[in-house]
Amino acid sequence: MKLQLNYFILSLLVVALLPYFIICFYAFPFADDFCFGWTASENISFAQKFLNQYLYWNGRYTADVLVNLHPLINGKIVWYQSAIFVSLLATPFVLWLCIRQFIGDSLISIIASLFITLFYLNYQPNITEGVYWFIGISNYHLCNLFVLIQLTLLLKSFSASGRGKIFLQAASLLLLVVVVGFNEIGAMLIPCFYLCGAVFNRQSSMVNRQVLVVFTFVAIISSAFVFFSPGNFVRAHEFENRFDLLHSLLYSSAQTIRFLGQWMLNVPFVLLSLIVIVNADKVKSRTIDYRLLITALLFVVFVGSFLPYFATGVLGQHRTINFVFFSFILLWILFLLSVSERFLLHEKMNVLKNETVTAILLLVSVLVIVHSGNGYKIISDYHQDNFRKYETSFLQRQTEVLRNPGAPIRKLSVIPNTFQVVDVREDSTWWVDKCMKKYYLSKVALK
């Protein structure tokens, strides 16, 4: 009976996630995609393209490599959509690799990874820039995935020996340099967490604590290459309201409360939290003090708001909140496991371990997730046929631009509720219009 229930939940999750994968092939480039599609197509060396970004725009050295490999270079839209699909498909897989370090049952770990993926996709503030936009993927989403891989390799190294241990730690150290270079939020948070790990993780052996110290120094040095890049100083001058500390602290605190409230005060969050608590005894014990975890959780969400406010004066399109939301989910799970073990909640709430009760909680959670947040938007767009209309409008406009490159680019007639697209303004001086025209004039039609 238990096995049948697990397979039923697994099937339900796959069905719930399927629409998110289908609409990958209705995602089209917009805004910065055309800017980078154009600059990445320039007839100069790759090194020069990279330096143009790093020296004159930002210090995200890893993301600067990826945006110069933009799928629009070859002029085929299918490559753009395939890149989005692959990055989305990698999400539950990478989560599963990490979760397997803590849960022995492979099927349960698959279910857990799918649940996390579904919750993450459904309650992102801006899912378009989170997973359906190549620039967002290059700067934020892939960073989260590579962080998990890097941590998984490091955790494996602690239980390995000999050459295997050396290889795992070397690979993890190399990936650490890579993950710090995706964006400024990660460049601040990653060194902080390794520093906390080196200082507060008393359960590690002396050798492992020395490894954490080395990783901390490498993370700090890598972070310096992000924050002190010439491009960051150039870009800072684009924002008149930057570096207002009081404004940044005040608004970041308000946004932290806002987003934590949105994420935590919903039915699936509460029900799934209960399931984690009562099953804490099934997880391999690597408990971190719950007080450190709740502090880390608050800090992560706060930083996701603070840095944009401090650097630009505004929070913008919530892409940084998308980024820290992923970390929030994982830190919250670790917090629940720690609290449950510390106060023996898994024993006190043993009644919820009943298979029927668990099945009902999981079923209700999936149904509510599907019919709320981004899940509701997808259903609404399917019902109104907005995705097909969006595709038609995009391709028709592309044909018009190529036939009459001197004319203003018209706005899209239909944009699905699911996609928060930054469109043209039919104004040749607007940066989106300019980037789109430059790209189309340098490329044949997307096919």
Protein backbone atom coordinates (compact mmCIF):
# COMPACT_ATOMS: atom_id res chain seq x y z
CA MET A 1 0.00 0.00 0.00
CA LYS A 2 2.79 2.42 0.91
CA LEU A 3 4.60 1.81 -2.38
CA GLN A 4 1.39 2.32 -4.37
CA LEU A 5 0.76 5.59 -2.51
CA ASN A 6 4.26 6.84 -3.29
CA TYR A 7 3.85 6.07 -6.98
CA PHE A 8 0.48 7.81 -7.00
CA ILE A 9 1.99 10.96 -5.45
CA LEU A 10 4.90 10.75 -7.90
CA SER A 11 2.52 10.56 -10.86
CA LEU A 12 0.49 13.47 -9.50
CA LEU A 13 3.60 15.62 -9.19
CA VAL A 14 4.73 14.81 -12.73
CA VAL A 15 1.31 15.85 -14.07
CA ALA A 16 1.38 19.06 -12.00
CA LEU A 17 4.85 19.96 -13.32
CA LEU A 18 4.16 19.06 -16.95
CA PRO A 19 2.60 22.46 -17.91
CA TYR A 20 5.72 24.29 -16.72
CA PHE A 21 7.80 22.22 -19.15
CA ILE A 22 5.36 22.54 -22.04
CA ILE A 23 5.33 26.34 -21.93
CA CYS A 24 9.12 26.38 -22.32
CA PHE A 25 8.34 26.08 -26.03
CA TYR A 26 6.13 29.17 -25.89
CA ALA A 27 8.85 31.28 -24.26
CA PHE A 28 10.38 33.87 -26.56
CA PRO A 29 13.36 36.20 -26.14
CA PHE A 30 12.76 39.74 -24.91
CA ALA A 31 14.60 42.83 -23.69
CA ASP A 32 18.20 41.95 -22.72
CA ASP A 33 18.06 38.77 -24.82
CA PHE A 34 18.22 40.86 -27.96
CA CYS A 35 20.99 43.05 -26.54
CA PHE A 36 23.18 40.07 -25.73
CA GLY A 37 22.09 38.19 -28.85
CA TRP A 38 23.42 41.14 -30.83
CA THR A 39 26.68 41.73 -28.88
CA ALA A 40 27.42 37.99 -28.73
CA SER A 41 27.17 37.89 -32.53
CA GLU A 42 29.80 40.59 -33.04
CA ASN A 43 32.73 39.62 -35.21
CA ILE A 44 35.34 39.86 -32.45
CA SER A 45 37.08 37.28 -30.29
CA PHE A 46 35.23 35.65 -27.40
CA ALA A 47 37.82 37.05 -24.98
CA GLN A 48 37.05 40.58 -26.15
CA LYS A 49 33.31 39.99 -25.79
CA PHE A 50 33.88 38.80 -22.22
CA LEU A 51 36.10 41.76 -21.37
CA ASN A 52 33.54 44.17 -22.80
CA GLN A 53 31.06 42.90 -20.22
CA TYR A 54 33.45 42.58 -17.30
CA LEU A 55 35.22 45.91 -17.83
CA TYR A 56 32.26 48.03 -18.90
CA TRP A 57 29.08 46.61 -17.38
CA ASN A 58 29.33 44.14 -14.44
CA GLY A 59 31.65 41.79 -12.60
CA ARG A 60 29.57 38.63 -13.01
CA TYR A 61 32.40 36.74 -14.64
CA THR A 62 30.55 33.42 -14.89
CA ALA A 63 27.35 34.94 -16.22
CA ASP A 64 29.42 37.07 -18.60
CA VAL A 65 30.67 33.86 -20.20
CA LEU A 66 27.16 32.41 -20.52
CA VAL A 67 25.51 35.50 -22.02
CA ASN A 68 28.19 35.53 -24.70
CA LEU A 69 27.13 31.99 -25.57
CA HIS A 70 23.55 33.18 -26.01
CA PRO A 71 21.37 30.71 -27.99
CA LEU A 72 20.16 33.56 -30.23
CA ILE A 73 23.60 33.66 -31.86
CA ASN A 74 22.57 31.02 -34.40
CA GLY A 75 19.25 32.76 -35.12
CA LYS A 76 17.05 29.75 -34.25
CA ILE A 77 14.36 30.17 -31.63
CA VAL A 78 14.27 26.42 -30.91
CA TRP A 79 17.76 26.68 -29.38
CA TYR A 80 16.56 29.41 -27.06
CA GLN A 81 13.57 27.35 -25.94
CA SER A 82 15.64 24.19 -25.61
CA ALA A 83 18.11 25.97 -23.31
CA ILE A 84 15.22 27.00 -21.08
CA PHE A 85 13.78 23.48 -21.10
CA VAL A 86 17.10 21.85 -20.19
CA SER A 87 17.76 24.28 -17.32
CA LEU A 88 14.26 23.61 -15.98
CA LEU A 89 14.63 19.85 -16.35
CA ALA A 90 17.92 20.01 -14.45
CA THR A 91 16.20 21.52 -11.39
CA PRO A 92 14.56 18.39 -9.91
CA PHE A 93 17.55 16.28 -10.97
CA VAL A 94 20.08 18.46 -9.13
CA LEU A 95 17.77 18.63 -6.11
CA TRP A 96 17.56 14.83 -6.12
CA LEU A 97 21.37 14.51 -6.18
CA CYS A 98 21.59 16.70 -3.10
CA ILE A 99 18.63 15.20 -1.22
CA ARG A 100 20.01 11.69 -1.73
CA GLN A 101 22.80 12.63 0.68
CA PHE A 102 20.19 12.84 3.45
CA ILE A 103 17.42 10.41 2.46
CA GLY A 104 18.26 6.78 1.82
CA ASP A 105 15.02 5.93 -0.01
CA SER A 106 15.50 6.84 -3.69
CA LEU A 107 11.76 7.10 -4.44
CA ILE A 108 11.11 9.39 -1.47
CA SER A 109 14.02 11.60 -2.48
CA ILE A 110 12.57 11.88 -6.01
CA ILE A 111 9.18 12.87 -4.59
CA ALA A 112 10.83 15.44 -2.32
CA SER A 113 12.79 16.96 -5.21
CA LEU A 114 9.63 17.22 -7.33
CA PHE A 115 7.69 18.85 -4.49
CA ILE A 116 10.42 21.44 -3.97
CA THR A 117 10.56 22.12 -7.72
CA LEU A 118 6.78 22.55 -7.92
CA PHE A 119 6.65 24.89 -4.91
CA TYR A 120 9.61 26.88 -6.24
CA LEU A 121 8.06 27.35 -9.69
CA ASN A 122 4.59 28.11 -8.43
CA TYR A 123 5.39 30.82 -5.91
CA GLN A 124 8.22 32.68 -7.63
CA PRO A 125 7.37 36.40 -7.75
CA ASN A 126 8.48 36.62 -11.39
CA ILE A 127 8.64 33.19 -12.96
CA THR A 128 9.39 34.63 -16.40
CA GLU A 129 12.68 36.15 -15.36
CA GLY A 130 13.27 33.21 -13.04
CA VAL A 131 13.20 30.29 -15.48
CA TYR A 132 11.76 31.41 -18.86
CA TRP A 133 14.34 34.06 -19.74
CA PHE A 134 17.85 33.11 -20.79
CA ILE A 135 19.43 36.14 -19.09
CA GLY A 136 17.66 35.29 -15.84
CA ILE A 137 18.80 31.69 -16.11
CA SER A 138 22.40 32.71 -16.79
CA ASN A 139 22.58 35.09 -13.84
CA TYR A 140 20.42 33.44 -11.19
CA HIS A 141 18.75 30.08 -11.80
CA LEU A 142 21.89 28.23 -12.87
CA CYS A 143 23.71 29.71 -9.90
CA ASN A 144 21.30 27.96 -7.52
CA LEU A 145 21.76 24.65 -9.33
CA PHE A 146 25.56 24.87 -9.39
CA VAL A 147 25.63 25.83 -5.70
CA LEU A 148 23.76 22.61 -4.91
CA ILE A 149 26.14 20.53 -7.02
CA GLN A 150 29.13 22.21 -5.39
CA LEU A 151 27.78 21.55 -1.88
CA THR A 152 26.91 17.96 -2.76
CA LEU A 153 30.48 17.28 -3.89
CA LEU A 154 31.83 18.86 -0.71
CA LEU A 155 29.54 16.79 1.52
CA LYS A 156 30.55 13.63 -0.32
CA SER A 157 34.21 14.49 0.19
CA PHE A 158 33.79 14.55 3.99
CA SER A 159 32.95 10.84 3.99
CA ALA A 160 35.42 9.86 1.24
CA SER A 161 39.08 8.99 1.58
CA GLY A 162 42.28 8.93 -0.44
CA ARG A 163 42.27 10.19 -4.01
CA GLY A 164 38.47 10.24 -4.07
CA LYS A 165 38.44 12.79 -1.27
CA ILE A 166 41.04 14.97 -3.00
CA PHE A 167 39.18 14.82 -6.33
CA LEU A 168 35.82 15.72 -4.78
CA GLN A 169 37.23 18.64 -2.84
CA ALA A 170 39.17 19.95 -5.84
CA ALA A 171 36.05 19.75 -8.03
CA SER A 172 34.00 21.45 -5.33
CA LEU A 173 36.60 24.21 -4.93
CA LEU A 174 36.62 24.84 -8.67
CA LEU A 175 32.83 25.01 -8.72
CA LEU A 176 32.95 27.44 -5.79
CA VAL A 177 34.88 29.90 -7.95
CA VAL A 178 32.29 29.40 -10.69
CA VAL A 179 29.19 29.90 -8.51
CA VAL A 180 30.44 33.09 -6.89
CA GLY A 181 30.74 34.65 -10.36
CA PHE A 182 27.06 34.38 -11.31
CA ASN A 183 25.68 37.45 -9.49
CA GLU A 184 26.26 39.90 -6.64
CA ILE A 185 23.74 38.28 -4.26
CA GLY A 186 25.56 34.97 -4.45
CA ALA A 187 28.92 36.75 -4.22
CA MET A 188 27.83 38.17 -0.86
CA LEU A 189 25.95 35.18 0.57
CA ILE A 190 28.31 32.33 -0.35
CA PRO A 191 31.40 33.66 1.50
CA CYS A 192 29.17 34.48 4.51
CA PHE A 193 27.86 30.93 4.72
CA TYR A 194 31.28 29.34 4.40
CA LEU A 195 32.56 31.66 7.10
CA CYS A 196 29.69 30.62 9.38
CA GLY A 197 30.38 26.98 8.55
CA ALA A 198 34.02 27.34 9.53
CA VAL A 199 33.21 29.20 12.76
CA PHE A 200 30.08 27.46 14.05
CA ASN A 201 30.22 23.91 12.69
CA ARG A 202 31.61 22.14 15.73
CA GLN A 203 30.54 18.71 14.49
CA SER A 204 33.20 18.69 11.77
CA SER A 205 36.60 17.17 12.31
CA MET A 206 39.62 19.45 12.49
CA VAL A 207 40.58 18.48 8.91
CA ASN A 208 37.12 19.29 7.57
CA ARG A 209 37.07 22.61 9.42
CA GLN A 210 40.39 23.48 7.80
CA VAL A 211 38.83 22.69 4.43
CA LEU A 212 35.97 25.08 5.23
CA VAL A 213 38.49 27.80 6.10
CA VAL A 214 40.20 27.33 2.72
CA PHE A 215 36.83 27.46 0.95
CA THR A 216 35.98 30.64 2.86
CA PHE A 217 39.12 32.42 1.67
CA VAL A 218 38.60 31.28 -1.92
CA ALA A 219 34.98 32.48 -1.81
CA ILE A 220 36.03 35.89 -0.46
CA ILE A 221 38.70 36.33 -3.12
CA SER A 222 36.27 35.28 -5.87
CA SER A 223 33.69 37.68 -4.49
CA ALA A 224 36.21 40.54 -4.70
CA PHE A 225 36.52 39.91 -8.45
CA VAL A 226 32.76 40.46 -8.71
CA PHE A 227 32.31 43.54 -6.53
CA PHE A 228 35.51 45.36 -7.50
CA SER A 229 35.33 44.78 -11.23
CA PRO A 230 35.70 47.92 -13.39
CA GLY A 231 32.32 47.21 -14.96
CA ASN A 232 30.49 47.50 -11.65
CA PHE A 233 31.79 51.04 -11.14
CA VAL A 234 30.73 51.96 -14.68
CA ARG A 235 27.27 50.49 -14.21
CA ALA A 236 26.76 52.20 -10.84
CA HIS A 237 26.65 55.59 -12.55
CA GLU A 238 23.48 54.52 -14.39
CA PHE A 239 21.49 54.83 -11.14
CA GLU A 240 21.04 58.22 -9.50
CA ASN A 241 19.46 56.91 -6.25
CA ARG A 242 22.19 54.42 -5.39
CA PHE A 243 24.00 54.01 -2.05
CA ASP A 244 21.16 55.36 0.13
CA LEU A 245 21.74 53.21 3.23
CA LEU A 246 18.72 54.27 5.30
CA HIS A 247 16.33 53.88 2.36
CA SER A 248 17.83 50.48 1.53
CA LEU A 249 17.57 49.17 5.11
CA LEU A 250 13.99 50.38 5.54
CA TYR A 251 12.62 49.07 2.26
CA SER A 252 14.58 45.81 2.42
CA SER A 253 13.14 45.07 5.85
CA ALA A 254 9.63 45.73 4.55
CA GLN A 255 10.20 43.50 1.51
CA THR A 256 11.59 40.73 3.72
CA ILE A 257 8.39 40.74 5.78
CA ARG A 258 6.28 40.93 2.63
CA PHE A 259 7.79 37.96 0.81
CA LEU A 260 8.16 35.77 3.89
CA GLY A 261 4.48 36.39 4.57
CA GLN A 262 3.49 35.50 1.01
CA TRP A 263 5.49 32.29 1.02
CA MET A 264 4.69 31.07 4.51
CA LEU A 265 1.03 32.02 4.87
CA ASN A 266 -0.40 29.58 2.36
CA VAL A 267 -1.96 26.16 2.77
CA PRO A 268 0.61 24.02 0.89
CA PHE A 269 3.50 25.60 2.82
CA VAL A 270 1.92 24.74 6.18
CA LEU A 271 0.89 21.22 5.18
CA LEU A 272 4.24 20.34 3.61
CA SER A 273 6.04 21.77 6.64
CA LEU A 274 4.05 19.42 8.88
CA ILE A 275 5.06 16.45 6.72
CA VAL A 276 8.75 17.42 6.97
CA ILE A 277 8.52 17.77 10.76
CA VAL A 278 6.91 14.38 11.40
CA ASN A 279 9.33 12.58 9.07
CA ALA A 280 12.49 14.21 10.42
CA ASP A 281 13.63 10.92 11.95
CA LYS A 282 13.93 9.42 8.44
CA VAL A 283 16.58 11.93 7.43
CA LYS A 284 20.25 11.24 8.04
CA SER A 285 21.26 13.43 10.95
CA ARG A 286 23.48 16.36 9.99
CA THR A 287 21.61 18.81 12.15
CA ILE A 288 22.55 22.48 12.25
CA ASP A 289 21.44 24.62 15.18
CA TYR A 290 17.93 25.86 14.38
CA ARG A 291 18.81 29.35 15.65
CA LEU A 292 21.58 29.65 13.07
CA LEU A 293 19.23 28.41 10.36
CA ILE A 294 16.43 30.89 11.08
CA THR A 295 19.02 33.68 11.19
CA ALA A 296 20.44 32.53 7.86
CA LEU A 297 16.96 32.33 6.36
CA LEU A 298 16.10 35.91 7.34
CA PHE A 299 19.52 37.13 6.21
CA VAL A 300 19.19 35.52 2.78
CA VAL A 301 15.82 37.10 2.01
CA PHE A 302 16.97 40.45 3.38
CA VAL A 303 20.11 40.48 1.22
CA GLY A 304 18.00 39.59 -1.83
CA SER A 305 16.23 42.91 -1.33
CA PHE A 306 19.00 45.03 0.17
CA LEU A 307 21.63 44.80 -2.56
CA PRO A 308 19.29 45.91 -5.39
CA TYR A 309 18.00 48.80 -3.29
CA PHE A 310 21.50 49.86 -2.27
CA ALA A 311 22.99 49.56 -5.76
CA THR A 312 20.10 50.98 -7.80
CA GLY A 313 17.56 52.56 -5.43
CA VAL A 314 14.79 50.13 -6.49
CA LEU A 315 14.03 46.43 -6.16
CA GLY A 316 13.26 46.15 -9.86
CA GLN A 317 11.74 43.05 -11.42
CA HIS A 318 12.10 40.75 -8.36
CA ARG A 319 14.70 38.59 -10.12
CA THR A 320 16.88 38.65 -6.98
CA ILE A 321 13.87 37.55 -4.91
CA ASN A 322 13.41 34.62 -7.32
CA PHE A 323 17.02 33.74 -6.60
CA VAL A 324 16.84 33.79 -2.80
CA PHE A 325 13.44 32.05 -2.79
CA PHE A 326 15.21 28.84 -3.78
CA SER A 327 17.57 29.16 -0.80
CA PHE A 328 14.65 30.07 1.47
CA ILE A 329 12.89 26.77 0.69
CA LEU A 330 15.98 24.66 1.42
CA LEU A 331 16.90 26.58 4.58
CA TRP A 332 13.34 26.29 5.85
CA ILE A 333 13.42 22.51 5.38
CA LEU A 334 16.71 22.31 7.30
CA PHE A 335 15.21 24.53 9.99
CA LEU A 336 12.17 22.24 10.37
CA LEU A 337 14.39 19.16 10.60
CA SER A 338 16.55 20.83 13.24
CA VAL A 339 13.58 21.99 15.32
CA SER A 340 11.90 18.59 15.05
CA GLU A 341 15.03 16.79 16.24
CA ARG A 342 15.76 19.32 18.99
CA PHE A 343 12.25 19.22 20.48
CA LEU A 344 11.30 15.67 19.38
CA LEU A 345 8.35 16.96 17.37
CA HIS A 346 8.41 13.89 15.12
CA GLU A 347 7.45 11.84 18.18
CA LYS A 348 4.93 14.28 19.64
CA MET A 349 3.13 14.61 16.28
CA ASN A 350 3.29 10.91 15.48
CA VAL A 351 -0.41 10.79 14.57
CA LEU A 352 0.38 12.59 11.30
CA LYS A 353 2.59 9.69 10.20
CA ASN A 354 -0.52 7.72 9.31
CA GLU A 355 -0.41 6.87 5.58
CA THR A 356 -3.95 8.09 4.97
CA VAL A 357 -3.31 11.40 6.72
CA THR A 358 -0.05 11.90 4.82
CA ALA A 359 -1.75 11.10 1.50
CA ILE A 360 -4.50 13.63 2.18
CA LEU A 361 -2.00 16.34 3.14
CA LEU A 362 0.06 15.72 0.02
CA LEU A 363 -2.98 15.58 -2.25
CA VAL A 364 -4.43 18.82 -0.87
CA SER A 365 -1.02 20.50 -1.19
CA VAL A 366 -0.66 19.59 -4.87
CA LEU A 367 -4.23 20.61 -5.73
CA VAL A 368 -3.88 23.99 -4.02
CA ILE A 369 -0.49 24.64 -5.65
CA VAL A 370 -1.86 23.82 -9.10
CA HIS A 371 -4.80 26.19 -8.64
CA SER A 372 -2.90 29.11 -7.10
CA GLY A 373 0.10 31.33 -7.86
CA ASN A 374 1.79 30.72 -11.19
CA GLY A 375 -0.11 27.46 -11.61
CA TYR A 376 -3.39 29.39 -11.80
CA LYS A 377 -1.89 31.79 -14.36
CA ILE A 378 -0.83 28.89 -16.59
CA ILE A 379 -4.31 27.33 -16.42
CA SER A 380 -5.88 30.70 -17.23
CA ASP A 381 -3.57 31.25 -20.19
CA TYR A 382 -4.26 27.77 -21.55
CA HIS A 383 -8.00 28.37 -21.24
CA GLN A 384 -7.75 31.70 -23.13
CA ASP A 385 -5.33 30.26 -25.71
CA ASN A 386 -2.88 33.03 -24.83
CA PHE A 387 0.28 31.01 -25.44
CA ARG A 388 -0.61 30.26 -29.06
CA LYS A 389 -1.71 33.88 -29.63
CA TYR A 390 1.57 35.08 -28.11
CA GLU A 391 3.57 32.84 -30.44
CA THR A 392 1.64 34.08 -33.47
CA SER A 393 2.06 37.72 -32.48
CA PHE A 394 5.80 37.33 -31.86
CA LEU A 395 6.49 35.61 -35.19
CA GLN A 396 4.33 38.05 -37.16
CA ARG A 397 6.13 41.01 -35.63
CA GLN A 398 9.48 39.43 -36.44
CA THR A 399 8.50 39.14 -40.10
CA GLU A 400 7.38 42.77 -40.14
CA VAL A 401 10.69 43.97 -38.68
CA LEU A 402 12.71 42.08 -41.28
CA ARG A 403 10.57 43.31 -44.16
CA ASN A 404 10.58 46.94 -43.05
CA PRO A 405 13.59 47.53 -40.76
CA GLY A 406 13.13 51.30 -40.75
CA ALA A 407 9.63 51.25 -39.28
CA PRO A 408 8.92 51.40 -35.52
CA ILE A 409 8.58 47.98 -33.91
CA ARG A 410 5.01 47.41 -32.79
CA LYS A 411 4.05 46.05 -29.39
CA LEU A 412 2.92 42.46 -29.03
CA SER A 413 -0.85 42.15 -29.28
CA VAL A 414 -1.04 39.34 -26.70
CA ILE A 415 1.22 38.51 -23.76
CA PRO A 416 0.20 35.59 -21.49
CA ASN A 417 -0.44 36.35 -17.82
CA THR A 418 2.29 33.83 -17.00
CA PHE A 419 4.97 35.81 -18.86
CA GLN A 420 6.00 39.22 -17.51
CA VAL A 421 7.71 40.43 -20.66
CA VAL A 422 9.47 43.79 -21.02
CA ASP A 423 8.20 44.76 -24.47
CA VAL A 424 9.04 47.54 -26.93
CA ARG A 425 7.45 51.00 -26.67
CA GLU A 426 7.24 51.76 -30.39
CA ASP A 427 9.91 54.33 -29.61
CA SER A 428 13.25 54.16 -31.46
CA THR A 429 15.04 55.77 -28.49
CA TRP A 430 13.88 53.10 -25.99
CA TRP A 431 16.67 50.61 -25.29
CA VAL A 432 14.49 47.53 -25.91
CA ASP A 433 13.49 48.80 -29.35
CA LYS A 434 17.11 49.61 -30.19
CA CYS A 435 18.46 46.23 -29.10
CA MET A 436 15.77 44.33 -30.95
CA LYS A 437 16.37 46.25 -34.18
CA LYS A 438 20.13 45.83 -33.97
CA TYR A 439 19.74 42.11 -33.44
CA TYR A 440 17.31 41.58 -36.31
CA LEU A 441 19.42 43.63 -38.68
CA SER A 442 22.42 41.44 -37.88
CA LYS A 443 20.61 38.13 -38.19
CA VAL A 444 18.28 36.22 -40.46
CA ALA A 445 14.79 35.47 -39.18
CA LEU A 446 14.49 33.13 -36.20
CA LYS A 447 13.17 29.76 -37.24
